[in-house]
């Protein structure tokens, strides 16, 4: 068997094209073979760590996403050769920029790395003395303006670069606080209907819209008027696929994308795209240079694999892919019916695809959500999921069957 055929047969997860409510296709892997693999694999043999079935979002703490076969092939082949890393970085950036419709781009060591390098570039420009000074800028133009609703723990990245966070509550306060000392305005990509941020939730669980929360386009307009760069962090906001180019088209100066989530590239990869001058400045702060980003190396293999993952993503039939996820959710919801005290609903979420939303009567099923998660992690096969939502987008056919089986076992045992 040729190497390409071997990789595809051994690493590619089967995709459900059409799943009925009574049967699913498990031609390449069976629930039994997957359960056995979960107990005997490189993680258990080498380190004694038990993998889990990923019925969850692309959460970094839980390993992000899974690379498709062609991405793994690219990574393996790239390992065979030596290249000039700066030359490779420039070439990868040009290709990524072309695919995103940006002036320029930089492959980074994850989304957080992209945020640090973006902030660094806005602070220093191409001035070598300022690059050397980070993370302790001694010049006035070092403030990062953020609307309070757009703040979250990852804004530590901007502080790590040396920025001072300036927080504003509403539009009036943003206009008041943007000044000659503002080096960057940081923005989160938002679900437009809710004007809220974060991972997808079933629409019925979404909070009411908050009128004072500004959408990225509104903050981009403020930045343009003040001549201050605006960064949009959309690290995990795929789907919708249109987000990949939306914020560049909307005029954002910088956009952050995670490589190891919706794109399904290496987990330790990311993208910073945007204005050519700012990308050039960010790159001078990054490896292989000796600036603040020196430790955020991106291996040659990861660069190539990220580009292949991005090329793959832009060619996908996204409607077909989401239809496949939705069919999985329908099948799983159907398999969890008839359990006393449990409601398992097919639920479209705020990002436009379906999950299975679980709720139960604790007087009938004496478990809270934390206890359920502990039982699922302690059992065999091991599994975990997002809060009340079982997310199916990362599950292959055999894993989907195991999730249905495992949930029934846990709920029916009580």
Protein backbone atom coordinates (compact mmCIF):
# COMPACT_ATOMS: atom_id res chain seq x y z
CA UNK A 1 0.00 0.00 0.00
CA UNK A 2 1.36 3.44 -0.92
CA UNK A 3 2.01 5.96 1.87
CA UNK A 4 -0.87 8.22 0.72
CA UNK A 5 -3.31 5.29 0.70
CA UNK A 6 -2.10 4.13 4.10
CA UNK A 7 -2.56 7.55 5.68
CA UNK A 8 -6.02 7.97 4.24
CA UNK A 9 -7.17 4.55 5.35
CA UNK A 10 -5.74 4.78 8.84
CA UNK A 11 -6.23 8.44 9.76
CA UNK A 12 -9.31 9.69 7.95
CA UNK A 13 -12.52 9.63 9.99
CA UNK A 14 -15.55 8.38 8.03
CA UNK A 15 -18.03 11.11 7.14
CA UNK A 16 -21.76 10.61 7.37
CA UNK A 17 -23.31 11.73 4.12
CA UNK A 18 -26.84 10.67 5.03
CA UNK A 19 -27.88 9.09 8.32
CA UNK A 20 -31.33 7.68 8.93
CA UNK A 21 -33.00 7.54 12.32
CA UNK A 22 -32.51 3.79 12.49
CA UNK A 23 -29.04 3.12 11.14
CA UNK A 24 -25.65 4.72 10.58
CA UNK A 25 -22.75 3.75 8.35
CA UNK A 26 -19.78 2.20 10.16
CA UNK A 27 -17.95 0.59 7.25
CA UNK A 28 -14.44 1.69 8.21
CA UNK A 29 -14.56 1.67 12.00
CA UNK A 30 -16.92 -0.07 14.39
CA UNK A 31 -17.98 1.08 17.87
CA UNK A 32 -16.15 -1.93 19.28
CA UNK A 33 -12.88 -1.15 17.48
CA UNK A 34 -13.05 2.51 18.58
CA UNK A 35 -13.72 1.51 22.19
CA UNK A 36 -10.69 -0.78 22.07
CA UNK A 37 -8.50 1.96 20.53
CA UNK A 38 -9.50 4.36 23.31
CA UNK A 39 -7.99 1.95 25.86
CA UNK A 40 -4.87 1.00 23.85
CA UNK A 41 -3.21 3.82 21.95
CA UNK A 42 -0.02 5.88 21.91
CA UNK A 43 -1.27 8.07 24.77
CA UNK A 44 -2.06 5.15 27.06
CA UNK A 45 1.02 3.12 26.11
CA UNK A 46 3.58 5.91 26.42
CA UNK A 47 2.09 8.16 29.11
CA UNK A 48 -0.85 6.37 30.70
CA UNK A 49 -3.27 9.13 29.58
CA UNK A 50 -6.75 7.97 28.52
CA UNK A 51 -8.20 9.77 25.47
CA UNK A 52 -11.89 10.62 25.35
CA UNK A 53 -14.59 10.78 22.70
CA UNK A 54 -14.87 14.44 21.76
CA UNK A 55 -18.57 15.28 21.91
CA UNK A 56 -17.57 18.90 22.45
CA UNK A 57 -16.60 22.14 20.72
CA UNK A 58 -13.05 22.77 19.42
CA UNK A 59 -11.79 23.58 22.91
CA UNK A 60 -8.00 23.92 23.21
CA UNK A 61 -7.98 22.36 26.68
CA UNK A 62 -9.68 19.30 25.18
CA UNK A 63 -7.32 19.04 22.17
CA UNK A 64 -9.06 21.34 19.69
CA UNK A 65 -10.01 19.61 16.45
CA UNK A 66 -8.73 16.65 14.46
CA UNK A 67 -6.58 17.13 11.37
CA UNK A 68 -7.97 15.55 8.17
CA UNK A 69 -5.82 13.01 6.31
CA UNK A 70 -4.50 15.45 3.70
CA UNK A 71 -3.33 17.83 6.44
CA UNK A 72 -1.51 15.00 8.23
CA UNK A 73 0.03 13.94 4.91
CA UNK A 74 1.35 17.46 4.36
CA UNK A 75 2.80 17.59 7.86
CA UNK A 76 4.54 14.23 7.45
CA UNK A 77 5.98 15.13 4.04
CA UNK A 78 7.17 18.56 5.25
CA UNK A 79 9.18 16.82 7.96
CA UNK A 80 11.46 15.28 5.32
CA UNK A 81 12.98 18.56 4.15
CA UNK A 82 14.94 21.54 5.46
CA UNK A 83 13.98 25.07 4.44
CA UNK A 84 14.81 28.65 5.36
CA UNK A 85 12.12 29.37 7.95
CA UNK A 86 11.87 33.09 7.23
CA UNK A 87 11.48 32.41 3.51
CA UNK A 88 8.85 29.78 4.28
CA UNK A 89 7.01 32.11 6.64
CA UNK A 90 6.84 34.83 4.00
CA UNK A 91 5.58 32.39 1.36
CA UNK A 92 2.99 30.89 3.71
CA UNK A 93 1.84 34.38 4.66
CA UNK A 94 1.37 35.35 1.02
CA UNK A 95 -0.73 32.23 0.38
CA UNK A 96 -2.86 32.75 3.48
CA UNK A 97 -3.39 36.41 2.60
CA UNK A 98 -4.52 35.44 -0.89
CA UNK A 99 -7.07 32.97 0.50
CA UNK A 100 -8.39 35.45 3.06
CA UNK A 101 -8.46 38.47 0.78
CA UNK A 102 -6.02 40.36 3.01
CA UNK A 103 -3.02 42.54 2.16
CA UNK A 104 -0.71 40.26 4.15
CA UNK A 105 -0.71 37.47 6.72
CA UNK A 106 1.49 35.66 9.21
CA UNK A 107 1.22 32.03 10.39
CA UNK A 108 1.46 32.07 14.18
CA UNK A 109 1.74 29.62 17.08
CA UNK A 110 -2.01 29.67 17.76
CA UNK A 111 -4.59 32.41 18.17
CA UNK A 112 -3.15 33.75 21.44
CA UNK A 113 0.24 34.12 19.78
CA UNK A 114 -1.41 36.06 16.95
CA UNK A 115 -2.95 38.42 19.52
CA UNK A 116 0.40 39.07 21.22
CA UNK A 117 2.17 39.66 17.92
CA UNK A 118 -0.62 41.92 16.67
CA UNK A 119 -0.34 44.05 19.81
CA UNK A 120 3.44 44.09 19.51
CA UNK A 121 3.26 45.22 15.90
CA UNK A 122 0.87 48.03 16.77
CA UNK A 123 3.19 49.14 19.58
CA UNK A 124 6.50 49.05 17.74
CA UNK A 125 5.99 49.37 14.03
CA UNK A 126 9.30 48.40 12.43
CA UNK A 127 11.43 50.39 14.90
CA UNK A 128 14.16 47.98 16.16
CA UNK A 129 14.64 49.91 19.41
CA UNK A 130 10.95 49.66 20.24
CA UNK A 131 10.92 45.97 19.29
CA UNK A 132 13.81 45.44 21.72
CA UNK A 133 11.97 47.39 24.47
CA UNK A 134 8.91 45.13 24.66
CA UNK A 135 7.19 44.17 26.89
CA UNK A 136 8.02 47.47 28.62
CA UNK A 137 7.14 50.28 26.22
CA UNK A 138 8.13 53.69 27.58
CA UNK A 139 6.25 55.75 25.00
CA UNK A 140 2.71 57.13 25.47
CA UNK A 141 0.99 55.37 22.55
CA UNK A 142 0.55 52.01 24.27
CA UNK A 143 -3.14 51.79 25.19
CA UNK A 144 -5.50 49.04 24.03
CA UNK A 145 -9.12 50.23 24.05
CA UNK A 146 -11.76 47.53 24.62
CA UNK A 147 -15.49 47.77 25.19
CA UNK A 148 -16.23 45.96 28.46
CA UNK A 149 -18.57 43.49 26.74
CA UNK A 150 -15.70 42.51 24.41
CA UNK A 151 -13.29 41.72 27.25
CA UNK A 152 -12.40 38.20 28.26
CA UNK A 153 -9.45 36.47 29.87
CA UNK A 154 -7.45 36.22 26.64
CA UNK A 155 -6.94 39.99 26.58
CA UNK A 156 -3.94 39.04 28.71
CA UNK A 157 -2.24 38.66 25.31
CA UNK A 158 -2.35 42.40 24.75
CA UNK A 159 -1.00 43.04 28.24
CA UNK A 160 1.75 40.47 27.68
CA UNK A 161 2.95 42.51 24.69
CA UNK A 162 3.11 45.61 26.91
CA UNK A 163 -0.22 47.31 26.25
CA UNK A 164 -2.28 49.01 28.95
CA UNK A 165 -5.96 48.04 28.81
CA UNK A 166 -8.43 50.92 28.75
CA UNK A 167 -12.01 49.74 29.23
CA UNK A 168 -15.16 51.51 28.07
CA UNK A 169 -18.77 50.53 28.74
CA UNK A 170 -20.68 52.03 25.83
CA UNK A 171 -20.28 53.96 22.59
CA UNK A 172 -20.11 57.35 24.30
CA UNK A 173 -17.31 56.20 26.61
CA UNK A 174 -15.41 54.61 23.72
CA UNK A 175 -15.51 57.90 21.82
CA UNK A 176 -14.41 59.70 24.95
CA UNK A 177 -11.46 57.39 25.64
CA UNK A 178 -10.02 56.92 22.16
CA UNK A 179 -7.04 59.24 22.06
CA UNK A 180 -3.57 59.91 20.69
CA UNK A 181 -2.34 57.26 23.17
CA UNK A 182 -4.58 54.52 21.74
CA UNK A 183 -2.39 52.02 19.90
CA UNK A 184 -5.15 49.50 19.09
CA UNK A 185 -8.85 48.81 19.53
CA UNK A 186 -9.55 45.14 20.31
CA UNK A 187 -12.82 43.57 19.22
CA UNK A 188 -14.45 40.14 19.47
CA UNK A 189 -16.35 38.70 16.53
CA UNK A 190 -20.01 38.50 17.53
CA UNK A 191 -23.18 36.58 16.82
CA UNK A 192 -25.09 39.40 15.15
CA UNK A 193 -28.58 38.58 16.43
CA UNK A 194 -27.48 38.33 20.07
CA UNK A 195 -24.67 40.91 20.12
CA UNK A 196 -22.90 38.38 22.36
CA UNK A 197 -19.72 36.37 22.21
CA UNK A 198 -18.34 32.95 23.00
CA UNK A 199 -19.02 29.40 21.87
CA UNK A 200 -22.33 28.48 20.24
CA UNK A 201 -25.32 27.69 22.44
CA UNK A 202 -28.79 26.41 21.51
CA UNK A 203 -30.80 29.40 20.35
CA UNK A 204 -33.39 28.90 23.07
CA UNK A 205 -30.65 29.27 25.70
CA UNK A 206 -29.19 32.47 24.19
CA UNK A 207 -29.54 35.59 26.31
CA UNK A 208 -31.53 38.58 25.02
CA UNK A 209 -29.58 41.02 22.83
CA UNK A 210 -27.83 43.86 24.63
CA UNK A 211 -28.27 47.08 22.67
CA UNK A 212 -25.22 48.80 24.15
CA UNK A 213 -22.85 46.11 22.80
CA UNK A 214 -21.21 47.39 19.65
CA UNK A 215 -20.74 45.07 16.71
CA UNK A 216 -17.27 44.81 15.13
CA UNK A 217 -18.33 46.91 12.13
CA UNK A 218 -19.28 49.77 14.45
CA UNK A 219 -15.95 49.64 16.25
CA UNK A 220 -14.08 49.38 12.95
CA UNK A 221 -15.77 52.61 11.86
CA UNK A 222 -14.71 54.32 15.09
CA UNK A 223 -11.14 53.13 14.57
CA UNK A 224 -11.09 54.37 10.97
CA UNK A 225 -12.25 57.82 12.02
CA UNK A 226 -9.65 57.99 14.81
CA UNK A 227 -6.94 56.42 12.61
CA UNK A 228 -6.39 53.66 15.18
CA UNK A 229 -5.88 50.01 14.11
CA UNK A 230 -8.78 47.69 14.94
CA UNK A 231 -8.16 43.99 15.65
CA UNK A 232 -11.00 41.49 15.35
CA UNK A 233 -10.46 38.23 17.24
CA UNK A 234 -12.52 35.54 15.50
CA UNK A 235 -10.28 32.68 16.60
CA UNK A 236 -13.01 30.07 16.98
CA UNK A 237 -15.86 31.62 14.98
CA UNK A 238 -16.14 29.08 12.16
CA UNK A 239 -18.81 28.41 11.03
CA UNK A 240 -20.16 30.43 9.41
CA UNK A 241 -17.47 30.06 6.76
CA UNK A 242 -18.14 33.64 5.62
CA UNK A 243 -16.45 34.86 8.83
CA UNK A 244 -13.11 33.85 7.34
CA UNK A 245 -13.19 36.86 5.01
CA UNK A 246 -15.98 38.95 6.56
CA UNK A 247 -13.90 41.12 8.87
CA UNK A 248 -11.19 41.88 6.33
CA UNK A 249 -13.92 42.96 3.92
CA UNK A 250 -15.48 45.04 6.71
CA UNK A 251 -12.23 46.98 7.04
CA UNK A 252 -10.57 45.43 10.09
CA UNK A 253 -6.86 46.25 10.22
CA UNK A 254 -5.98 42.90 11.81
CA UNK A 255 -7.87 39.60 12.14
CA UNK A 256 -6.96 36.63 14.35
CA UNK A 257 -7.94 33.09 13.33
CA UNK A 258 -7.19 29.86 15.17
CA UNK A 259 -5.60 27.17 13.03
CA UNK A 260 -6.61 24.21 15.17
CA UNK A 261 -10.34 24.79 15.51
CA UNK A 262 -12.74 25.15 12.58
CA UNK A 263 -9.93 25.07 10.01
CA UNK A 264 -8.75 21.71 11.40
CA UNK A 265 -5.08 22.55 11.01
CA UNK A 266 -2.43 21.85 13.65
CA UNK A 267 -3.67 22.78 17.11
CA UNK A 268 -0.55 24.90 17.71
CA UNK A 269 -1.11 27.08 14.63
CA UNK A 270 -2.95 30.30 13.96
CA UNK A 271 -3.27 33.21 11.55
CA UNK A 272 -2.78 36.95 11.85
CA UNK A 273 -4.04 38.71 8.71
CA UNK A 274 -4.55 42.31 7.73
CA UNK A 275 -2.71 45.47 6.78
CA UNK A 276 0.67 44.91 5.18
CA UNK A 277 2.53 47.40 7.39
CA UNK A 278 1.12 45.91 10.60
CA UNK A 279 1.84 42.32 9.52
CA UNK A 280 5.41 43.33 8.67
CA UNK A 281 5.77 44.86 12.14
CA UNK A 282 4.25 41.78 13.81
CA UNK A 283 6.62 39.49 11.88
CA UNK A 284 9.66 41.46 13.08
CA UNK A 285 8.52 40.76 16.65
CA UNK A 286 8.12 37.03 15.90
CA UNK A 287 10.44 34.04 15.46
CA UNK A 288 12.92 33.53 13.90
CA UNK A 289 13.75 37.08 15.07
CA UNK A 290 14.65 37.72 18.70
CA UNK A 291 11.69 39.90 19.68
CA UNK A 292 8.95 39.19 22.18
CA UNK A 293 7.59 36.41 19.96
CA UNK A 294 10.83 34.45 19.72
CA UNK A 295 9.45 31.64 21.86
CA UNK A 296 6.30 31.38 19.72
CA UNK A 297 7.97 29.27 17.04
CA UNK A 298 5.93 27.72 14.27
CA UNK A 299 7.56 24.60 12.85
CA UNK A 300 7.97 24.21 9.11
CA UNK A 301 5.60 21.24 9.25
CA UNK A 302 2.91 23.27 11.01
CA UNK A 303 3.17 26.12 8.51
CA UNK A 304 2.68 23.82 5.55
CA UNK A 305 -0.10 21.86 7.26
CA UNK A 306 -1.93 25.07 8.21
CA UNK A 307 -1.86 26.29 4.60
CA UNK A 308 -3.15 22.91 3.37
CA UNK A 309 -5.92 22.99 6.00
CA UNK A 310 -6.94 26.50 4.92
CA UNK A 311 -6.94 25.54 1.23
CA UNK A 312 -9.08 22.54 2.08
CA UNK A 313 -11.49 24.64 4.13
CA UNK A 314 -12.18 27.25 1.47
CA UNK A 315 -13.00 24.48 -1.04
CA UNK A 316 -15.46 22.66 1.22
CA UNK A 317 -19.17 22.49 0.50
CA UNK A 318 -20.07 24.05 3.86
CA UNK A 319 -23.82 23.60 3.43
CA UNK A 320 -23.30 19.90 2.85
CA UNK A 321 -20.96 19.64 5.82
CA UNK A 322 -23.43 21.34 8.16
CA UNK A 323 -26.25 19.15 6.79
CA UNK A 324 -24.13 16.13 7.77
CA UNK A 325 -23.64 17.46 11.31
CA UNK A 326 -27.37 18.15 11.57
CA UNK A 327 -28.23 14.64 10.47
CA UNK A 328 -25.92 13.26 13.14
CA UNK A 329 -27.68 15.40 15.75
CA UNK A 330 -31.10 14.16 14.61
CA UNK A 331 -29.92 10.56 14.82
CA UNK A 332 -28.43 10.98 18.28
CA UNK A 333 -31.51 12.78 19.62
CA UNK A 334 -33.67 9.94 18.31
CA UNK A 335 -31.49 7.36 20.10
CA UNK A 336 -31.91 9.13 23.44
CA UNK A 337 -35.71 9.18 23.45
CA UNK A 338 -37.73 7.13 25.94
CA UNK A 339 -35.40 7.56 28.92
CA UNK A 340 -37.50 8.44 31.95
CA UNK A 341 -36.87 12.00 33.13
CA UNK A 342 -34.57 12.93 30.21
CA UNK A 343 -35.28 15.35 27.38
CA UNK A 344 -32.92 15.15 24.42
CA UNK A 345 -33.70 17.77 21.79
CA UNK A 346 -32.36 18.44 18.33
CA UNK A 347 -31.41 22.12 18.72
CA UNK A 348 -29.99 24.57 16.20
CA UNK A 349 -27.39 26.77 17.88
CA UNK A 350 -26.35 30.40 17.52
CA UNK A 351 -23.77 29.51 14.84
CA UNK A 352 -26.36 27.86 12.61
CA UNK A 353 -25.82 24.13 13.05
CA UNK A 354 -27.47 21.57 15.32
CA UNK A 355 -26.50 19.91 18.58
CA UNK A 356 -28.34 17.67 21.01
CA UNK A 357 -29.51 19.68 24.02
CA UNK A 358 -29.91 17.63 27.21
CA UNK A 359 -32.06 18.47 30.21
CA UNK A 360 -33.46 16.21 32.90
CA UNK A 361 -35.61 16.07 35.99
CA UNK A 362 -33.16 15.66 38.87
CA UNK A 363 -35.91 14.15 41.04
CA UNK A 364 -35.98 11.27 38.53
CA UNK A 365 -32.33 11.32 37.46
CA UNK A 366 -30.36 12.31 40.58
CA UNK A 367 -27.39 13.88 38.77
CA UNK A 368 -26.27 17.44 38.26
CA UNK A 369 -24.24 18.41 35.19
CA UNK A 370 -20.89 18.21 36.98
CA UNK A 371 -21.65 14.73 38.30
CA UNK A 372 -22.67 13.57 34.83
CA UNK A 373 -19.42 14.86 33.35
CA UNK A 374 -17.42 13.07 36.06
CA UNK A 375 -19.19 9.77 35.37
CA UNK A 376 -18.66 10.05 31.64
CA UNK A 377 -14.95 10.80 32.10
CA UNK A 378 -14.47 8.00 34.60
CA UNK A 379 -16.25 5.38 32.51
CA UNK A 380 -15.34 3.35 29.46
CA UNK A 381 -15.34 4.52 26.77
CA UNK A 382 -14.35 7.86 28.22
CA UNK A 383 -16.26 10.87 26.85
CA UNK A 384 -16.86 14.53 27.56
CA UNK A 385 -19.19 17.21 26.22
CA UNK A 386 -20.08 20.92 26.49
CA UNK A 387 -22.28 21.67 29.50
CA UNK A 388 -25.80 20.61 28.59
CA UNK A 389 -25.01 20.29 24.89
CA UNK A 390 -23.71 17.20 23.13
CA UNK A 391 -21.89 18.51 20.07
CA UNK A 392 -21.62 16.05 17.18
CA UNK A 393 -19.49 17.92 14.64
CA UNK A 394 -16.27 16.14 15.69
CA UNK A 395 -17.73 12.64 15.91
CA UNK A 396 -17.33 9.98 13.27
CA UNK A 397 -19.98 7.33 12.77
CA UNK A 398 -18.61 4.79 15.24
CA UNK A 399 -18.00 7.43 17.91
CA UNK A 400 -21.54 8.74 17.46
CA UNK A 401 -22.89 5.27 18.14
CA UNK A 402 -20.72 4.97 21.26
CA UNK A 403 -21.95 8.34 22.57
CA UNK A 404 -25.56 7.22 22.21
CA UNK A 405 -24.78 3.93 23.95
CA UNK A 406 -22.79 5.53 26.78
CA UNK A 407 -25.37 8.21 27.54
CA UNK A 408 -28.18 5.65 27.66
CA UNK A 409 -26.11 3.49 30.01
CA UNK A 410 -25.47 6.35 32.43
CA UNK A 411 -29.00 7.75 32.45
CA UNK A 412 -30.78 4.39 32.57
CA UNK A 413 -28.59 3.15 35.45
CA UNK A 414 -30.11 5.75 37.80
